[in-house]
C-alpha atoms as a PDB file:
ATOM      1  CA  HIS A   1      61.236 159.210 103.475  1.00  0.00           C
ATOM      2  CA  MET A   2      61.407 159.142 107.545  1.00  0.00           C
ATOM      3  CA  SER A   3      61.874 155.203 107.457  1.00  0.00           C
ATOM      4  CA  THR A   4      64.268 155.001 104.945  1.00  0.00           C
ATOM      5  CA  LYS A   5      66.432 158.174 104.071  1.00  0.00           C
ATOM      6  CA  VAL A   6      65.722 157.818 100.858  1.00  0.00           C
ATOM      7  CA  THR A   7      62.998 157.035  97.724  1.00  0.00           C
ATOM      8  CA  LEU A   8      64.238 156.243  95.013  1.00  0.00           C
ATOM      9  CA  GLY A   9      64.848 152.888  92.816  1.00  0.00           C
ATOM     10  CA  LEU A  10      64.631 150.370  95.052  1.00  0.00           C
ATOM     11  CA  LYS A  11      61.830 151.790  97.389  1.00  0.00           C
ATOM     12  CA  ASN A  12      59.865 152.417  94.465  1.00  0.00           C
ATOM     13  CA  MET A  13      59.313 149.459  93.558  1.00  0.00           C
ATOM     14  CA  PHE A  14      57.807 148.992  97.512  1.00  0.00           C
ATOM     15  CA  GLY A  15      54.508 149.743  95.201  1.00  0.00           C
ATOM     16  CA  MET A  16      55.004 146.006  93.797  1.00  0.00           C
ATOM     17  CA  LEU A  17      52.798 144.606  96.346  1.00  0.00           C
ATOM     18  CA  THR A  18      49.313 144.352  96.010  1.00  0.00           C
ATOM     19  CA  THR A  19      47.588 144.891  98.990  1.00  0.00           C
ATOM     20  CA  LYS A  20      46.073 147.792 100.039  1.00  0.00           C
ATOM     21  CA  PHE A  21      47.473 147.366 103.977  1.00  0.00           C
ATOM     22  CA  LYS A  22      50.957 148.727 103.033  1.00  0.00           C
ATOM     23  CA  GLY A  23      51.463 150.315 106.780  1.00  0.00           C
ATOM     24  CA  LYS A  24      51.887 145.767 108.352  1.00  0.00           C
ATOM     25  CA  TYR A  25      55.685 146.215 106.276  1.00  0.00           C
ATOM     26  CA  HIS A  26      57.158 149.039 107.814  1.00  0.00           C
ATOM     27  CA  ILE A  27      56.097 147.577 111.560  1.00  0.00           C
ATOM     28  CA  ARG A  28      58.441 144.704 109.885  1.00  0.00           C
ATOM     29  CA  GLY A  29      61.687 147.181 108.314  1.00  0.00           C
ATOM     30  CA  MET A  30      61.251 148.917 105.314  1.00  0.00           C
ATOM     31  CA  ASP A  31      65.139 148.032 103.987  1.00  0.00           C
ATOM     32  CA  LYS A  32      64.258 144.464 104.909  1.00  0.00           C
ATOM     33  CA  VAL A  33      61.486 144.844 103.047  1.00  0.00           C
ATOM     34  CA  ILE A  34      62.984 146.750  99.902  1.00  0.00           C
ATOM     35  CA  HIS A  35      66.112 144.331  99.799  1.00  0.00           C
ATOM     36  CA  ASP A  36      63.783 141.416 100.085  1.00  0.00           C
ATOM     37  CA  ILE A  37      60.762 142.342  96.914  1.00  0.00           C
ATOM     38  CA  ASN A  38      63.591 143.406  94.648  1.00  0.00           C
ATOM     39  CA  LYS A  39      66.249 140.702  95.509  1.00  0.00           C
ATOM     40  CA  THR A  40      62.619 138.312  94.417  1.00  0.00           C
ATOM     41  CA  LEU A  41      61.598 140.767  91.502  1.00  0.00           C
ATOM     42  CA  PRO A  42      64.627 143.232  90.479  1.00  0.00           C
ATOM     43  CA  PRO A  43      63.685 145.910  88.020  1.00  0.00           C
ATOM     44  CA  GLN A  44      64.946 145.509  83.832  1.00  0.00           C
ATOM     45  CA  LEU A  45      65.260 149.537  84.140  1.00  0.00           C
ATOM     46  CA  THR A  46      66.010 152.092  86.933  1.00  0.00           C
ATOM     47  CA  ILE A  47      64.433 155.923  86.606  1.00  0.00           C
ATOM     48  CA  ILE A  48      64.848 158.389  88.660  1.00  0.00           C
ATOM     49  CA  ASP A  49      63.082 161.485  87.610  1.00  0.00           C
ATOM     50  CA  GLY A  50      64.925 164.179  89.767  1.00  0.00           C
ATOM     51  CA  PHE A  51      63.487 167.294  87.742  1.00  0.00           C
ATOM     52  CA  VAL A  52      62.008 168.248  91.735  1.00  0.00           C
ATOM     53  CA  ALA A  53      63.188 166.219  94.379  1.00  0.00           C
ATOM     54  CA  MET A  54      62.588 166.553  97.906  1.00  0.00           C
ATOM     55  CA  GLU A  55      64.261 166.850 101.125  1.00  0.00           C
ATOM     56  CA  GLY A  56      63.122 166.835 104.480  1.00  0.00           C
ATOM     57  CA  LYS A  57      60.328 165.114 106.434  1.00  0.00           C
ATOM     58  CA  GLY A  58      59.120 162.971 103.229  1.00  0.00           C
ATOM     59  CA  PRO A  59      56.907 162.187 101.915  1.00  0.00           C
ATOM     60  CA  VAL A  60      54.526 164.546 103.459  1.00  0.00           C
ATOM     61  CA  HIS A  61      56.203 167.119 105.077  1.00  0.00           C
ATOM     62  CA  GLY A  62      59.206 167.568 102.498  1.00  0.00           C
ATOM     63  CA  LYS A  63      60.681 170.324 100.587  1.00  0.00           C
ATOM     64  CA  PRO A  64      60.910 170.534  97.181  1.00  0.00           C
ATOM     65  CA  VAL A  65      64.198 170.890  95.029  1.00  0.00           C
ATOM     66  CA  LYS A  66      64.754 172.352  91.763  1.00  0.00           C
ATOM     67  CA  MET A  67      67.316 169.082  90.776  1.00  0.00           C
ATOM     68  CA  ASN A  68      66.939 168.856  86.983  1.00  0.00           C
ATOM     69  CA  THR A  69      68.460 165.395  86.940  1.00  0.00           C
ATOM     70  CA  VAL A  70      67.260 162.297  85.561  1.00  0.00           C
ATOM     71  CA  ILE A  71      69.190 159.297  86.664  1.00  0.00           C
ATOM     72  CA  ALA A  72      69.199 155.883  84.431  1.00  0.00           C
ATOM     73  CA  SER A  73      70.870 152.941  84.825  1.00  0.00           C
ATOM     74  CA  VAL A  74      69.786 149.179  84.075  1.00  0.00           C
ATOM     75  CA  ASP A  75      70.964 148.626  87.801  1.00  0.00           C
ATOM     76  CA  PRO A  76      69.302 149.304  89.609  1.00  0.00           C
ATOM     77  CA  VAL A  77      71.226 149.685  92.831  1.00  0.00           C
ATOM     78  CA  ALA A  78      73.880 151.793  91.130  1.00  0.00           C
ATOM     79  CA  ALA A  79      71.221 153.716  89.927  1.00  0.00           C
ATOM     80  CA  ASP A  80      70.033 154.351  93.737  1.00  0.00           C
ATOM     81  CA  SER A  81      74.347 154.843  94.565  1.00  0.00           C
ATOM     82  CA  VAL A  82      74.733 157.353  92.476  1.00  0.00           C
ATOM     83  CA  ALA A  83      71.710 159.045  93.024  1.00  0.00           C
ATOM     84  CA  SER A  84      72.116 159.126  97.027  1.00  0.00           C
ATOM     85  CA  GLN A  85      75.299 160.548  96.336  1.00  0.00           C
ATOM     86  CA  VAL A  86      74.362 163.399  94.331  1.00  0.00           C
ATOM     87  CA  MET A  87      71.527 164.294  97.494  1.00  0.00           C
ATOM     88  CA  GLY A  88      74.832 163.682  99.585  1.00  0.00           C
ATOM     89  CA  PHE A  89      74.154 160.510 101.355  1.00  0.00           C
ATOM     90  CA  ASN A  90      76.720 157.652 101.639  1.00  0.00           C
ATOM     91  CA  PRO A  91      75.351 154.817 100.037  1.00  0.00           C
ATOM     92  CA  ASN A  92      76.721 152.693 102.382  1.00  0.00           C
ATOM     93  CA  GLU A  93      74.775 153.804 104.956  1.00  0.00           C
ATOM     94  CA  ILE A  94      71.323 152.809 103.568  1.00  0.00           C
ATOM     95  CA  ASP A  95      70.889 149.666 104.358  1.00  0.00           C
ATOM     96  CA  HIS A  96      68.122 148.426 101.527  1.00  0.00           C
ATOM     97  CA  ILE A  97      71.141 149.705  98.974  1.00  0.00           C
ATOM     98  CA  LYS A  98      73.495 148.237 100.812  1.00  0.00           C
ATOM     99  CA  TRP A  99      72.141 145.152 101.367  1.00  0.00           C
ATOM    100  CA  SER A 100      70.960 144.543  97.843  1.00  0.00           C
ATOM    101  CA  HIS A 101      74.844 145.395  96.979  1.00  0.00           C
ATOM    102  CA  GLU A 102      75.487 142.642  99.364  1.00  0.00           C
ATOM    103  CA  SER A 103      73.383 140.563  97.994  1.00  0.00           C
ATOM    104  CA  GLY A 104      74.211 140.722  93.879  1.00  0.00           C
ATOM    105  CA  VAL A 105      71.097 142.341  93.387  1.00  0.00           C
ATOM    106  CA  GLY A 106      72.798 145.546  92.268  1.00  0.00           C
ATOM    107  CA  ASN A 107      76.498 146.590  92.465  1.00  0.00           C
ATOM    108  CA  MET A 108      76.932 149.996  93.995  1.00  0.00           C
ATOM    109  CA  THR A 109      80.940 150.360  92.802  1.00  0.00           C
ATOM    110  CA  GLU A 110      81.478 149.263  89.730  1.00  0.00           C
ATOM    111  CA  ILE A 111      79.288 152.671  87.859  1.00  0.00           C
ATOM    112  CA  GLU A 112      79.456 153.655  84.528  1.00  0.00           C
ATOM    113  CA  ILE A 113      78.305 157.444  84.626  1.00  0.00           C
ATOM    114  CA  ILE A 114      77.391 158.866  80.981  1.00  0.00           C
ATOM    115  CA  GLY A 115      77.030 162.335  81.359  1.00  0.00           C
ATOM    116  CA  GLU A 116      77.141 164.970  83.892  1.00  0.00           C
ATOM    117  CA  LYS A 117      79.527 163.441  86.546  1.00  0.00           C
ATOM    118  CA  ILE A 118      78.210 163.499  90.448  1.00  0.00           C
ATOM    119  CA  ASP A 119      79.825 167.036  92.174  1.00  0.00           C
ATOM    120  CA  SER A 120      78.591 168.551  89.388  1.00  0.00           C
ATOM    121  CA  VAL A 121      75.261 168.480  90.220  1.00  0.00           C
ATOM    122  CA  LYS A 122      75.388 166.803  93.979  1.00  0.00           C
ATOM    123  CA  ARG A 123      73.965 168.877  96.846  1.00  0.00           C
ATOM    124  CA  ASN A 124      73.781 168.105 100.255  1.00  0.00           C
ATOM    125  CA  PHE A 125      69.564 167.234 101.205  1.00  0.00           C
ATOM    126  CA  GLN A 126      68.452 168.286 104.115  1.00  0.00           C
ATOM    127  CA  ARG A 127      68.574 164.510 106.961  1.00  0.00           C
ATOM    128  CA  ILE A 128      65.690 164.358 109.227  1.00  0.00           C
END
């Protein structure tokens, strides 16, 4: 996503907003809004469908990338941290992930990975 660097589990909680005029929240800073939503209503399970991902200028002009990967966790920050690393991003450079870790929504440092290791599925996504 052009406003947040990545669209993963934490960002998908933006869909919980009931207003049709979500554009007004972009003005307030998407990373802050994403953090605040997850702090207020933390998800119980995060599943990131990475069978086909998108890189570049998403969500409209991005390029599909076949990844064949699924990431799931009861910790949304851990899920997004792992997914962002799989995409070649440093989660500390993605504000809503970093802030959610710092405020206790979840943890991005103490993560148990079951299955494939990050390096075995990692692909450096195009940055915008």
